Protein backbone atom coordinates (compact mmCIF):
# COMPACT_ATOMS: atom_id res chain seq x y z
CA MET A 1 54.08 63.58 120.93
CA MET A 2 53.62 66.94 119.54
CA PRO A 3 53.39 67.51 115.78
CA GLU A 4 56.52 68.92 114.12
CA ALA A 5 56.46 72.51 113.40
CA GLU A 6 56.47 73.54 109.68
CA VAL A 7 59.80 75.06 108.91
CA SER A 8 60.09 77.56 106.04
CA ALA A 9 63.18 78.54 104.42
CA PHE A 10 64.12 82.22 105.15
CA LEU A 11 65.24 84.20 102.12
CA ASP A 12 67.11 87.38 102.37
CA SER A 13 67.04 90.39 100.20
CA ASN A 14 69.57 89.19 97.47
CA ILE A 15 67.30 86.19 96.73
CA VAL A 16 64.24 88.32 96.27
CA LEU A 17 66.33 90.77 94.30
CA TYR A 18 67.67 87.90 91.94
CA ALA A 19 63.96 86.87 91.29
CA LEU A 20 63.53 90.43 89.89
CA SER A 21 66.82 90.76 87.97
CA ASP A 22 67.70 90.35 84.30
CA ASP A 23 70.20 87.54 84.99
CA ASP A 24 68.37 84.48 83.81
CA SER A 25 70.27 81.86 85.85
CA LYS A 26 69.93 83.76 89.09
CA ARG A 27 66.35 84.68 88.56
CA ARG A 28 65.40 81.05 87.65
CA ILE A 29 67.04 79.76 91.04
CA ALA A 30 65.54 82.59 92.96
CA ASN A 31 62.01 81.79 91.51
CA GLN A 32 62.49 78.08 92.38
CA LEU A 33 63.09 79.11 95.87
CA LEU A 34 60.08 81.37 96.04
CA LEU A 35 58.00 78.47 94.97
CA SER A 36 58.69 76.74 98.38
CA GLU A 37 56.71 79.28 100.13
CA PRO A 38 59.63 80.64 101.94
CA CYS A 39 59.48 83.26 104.81
CA ILE A 40 61.03 86.85 104.34
CA SER A 41 60.95 89.72 106.78
CA THR A 42 59.72 93.22 106.66
CA GLN A 43 63.26 94.27 106.81
CA VAL A 44 63.89 92.26 103.56
CA VAL A 45 60.88 93.98 101.92
CA ASN A 46 62.31 97.40 102.88
CA GLU A 47 65.81 96.61 101.68
CA CYS A 48 64.45 95.41 98.33
CA SER A 49 62.42 98.54 97.93
CA HIS A 50 65.37 100.60 98.67
CA VAL A 51 67.62 98.80 96.19
CA LEU A 52 64.98 98.79 93.56
CA ARG A 53 64.26 102.59 93.82
CA ARG A 54 67.72 103.87 94.45
CA LYS A 55 70.07 101.63 92.56
CA LEU A 56 67.84 100.21 89.77
CA LEU A 57 65.87 103.38 89.65
CA TRP A 58 62.38 101.65 89.29
CA THR A 59 59.39 103.86 89.72
CA PRO A 60 57.62 103.58 93.04
CA ALA A 61 54.73 101.96 91.10
CA ARG A 62 56.87 99.35 89.58
CA VAL A 63 58.45 98.56 92.93
CA ALA A 64 55.09 98.21 94.67
CA ALA A 65 53.60 95.96 91.90
CA GLU A 66 56.67 93.59 91.84
CA LEU A 67 57.03 93.34 95.47
CA GLU A 68 53.22 92.64 95.87
CA ILE A 69 53.77 89.53 93.63
CA ILE A 70 56.57 88.33 95.86
CA LEU A 71 54.46 88.97 98.95
CA SER A 72 51.75 86.86 97.49
CA VAL A 73 53.89 83.76 97.49
CA VAL A 74 55.95 84.06 100.80
CA LYS A 75 55.11 84.25 104.39
CA LEU A 76 55.90 87.64 105.92
CA GLN A 77 57.59 87.89 109.21
CA ASN A 78 57.18 91.24 110.90
CA VAL A 79 60.26 92.46 112.34
CA GLY A 80 59.70 94.83 115.31
CA ILE A 81 61.94 96.19 118.09
CA ASP A 82 61.41 92.97 120.16
CA GLN A 83 62.82 90.83 117.40
CA ILE A 84 65.64 93.24 117.00
CA ARG A 85 66.57 93.14 120.60
CA SER A 86 66.45 89.39 120.68
CA ALA A 87 68.91 89.29 117.77
CA TRP A 88 71.17 91.73 119.61
CA THR A 89 71.13 89.39 122.65
CA LEU A 90 71.95 86.48 120.39
CA TRP A 91 74.91 88.56 118.92
CA PHE A 92 76.06 89.49 122.33
CA GLN A 93 76.04 85.86 123.43
CA SER A 94 78.24 85.00 120.42
CA LEU A 95 80.49 87.72 121.11
CA ARG A 96 80.77 86.36 124.68
CA GLN A 97 81.94 83.02 123.37
CA SER A 98 84.21 84.63 120.84
CA ASP A 99 85.82 86.49 123.70
CA ARG A 100 86.39 83.25 125.48
CA ARG A 101 88.07 81.79 122.37
CA HIS A 102 89.77 84.80 120.77
CA GLY A 103 89.77 87.71 123.46
CA ILE A 104 87.78 90.62 121.98
CA GLY A 105 88.47 93.79 123.73
CA ARG A 106 87.23 93.85 127.41
CA ARG A 107 85.89 97.51 127.23
CA LEU A 108 83.81 96.63 124.16
CA PHE A 109 82.48 93.51 125.90
CA HIS A 110 81.61 95.41 129.02
CA ALA A 111 80.06 98.20 127.06
CA LEU A 112 77.78 95.82 125.10
CA GLN A 113 77.01 93.97 128.38
CA ARG A 114 75.77 97.35 130.02
CA ARG A 115 73.77 98.22 126.87
CA LEU A 116 71.97 94.85 126.69
CA ALA A 117 71.05 94.95 130.45
CA LYS A 118 69.57 98.54 129.86
CA TRP A 119 67.60 97.13 126.71
CA ALA A 120 66.27 94.20 128.77
CA VAL A 121 64.70 96.72 131.32
CA ASP A 122 63.16 99.07 128.69
């Protein structure tokens, strides 16, 4: 029998941003989640950087310093084009199932099917 793989919670950018927010209740819950050594993706790091710089007007140095602290307690999952294409494939499969149940437009369905076939070859 193979050992069970360790599964980490995946946190999205909202949770990371709550950990850095001024809202005590949201920050407390987010920090508890961060203590469980969760996984975040490079996309989450980029989204948080953008929000902290553009919406909250943090300096680049502050953004980097705070996100480095977050990075020290999480597992980072690099998201590259292969992972993005896999996500598209899963999305397409869910659309196919939805089409069977709800009848999405045939033209959209076939256009997505052609695109995914092209990506699979690239």
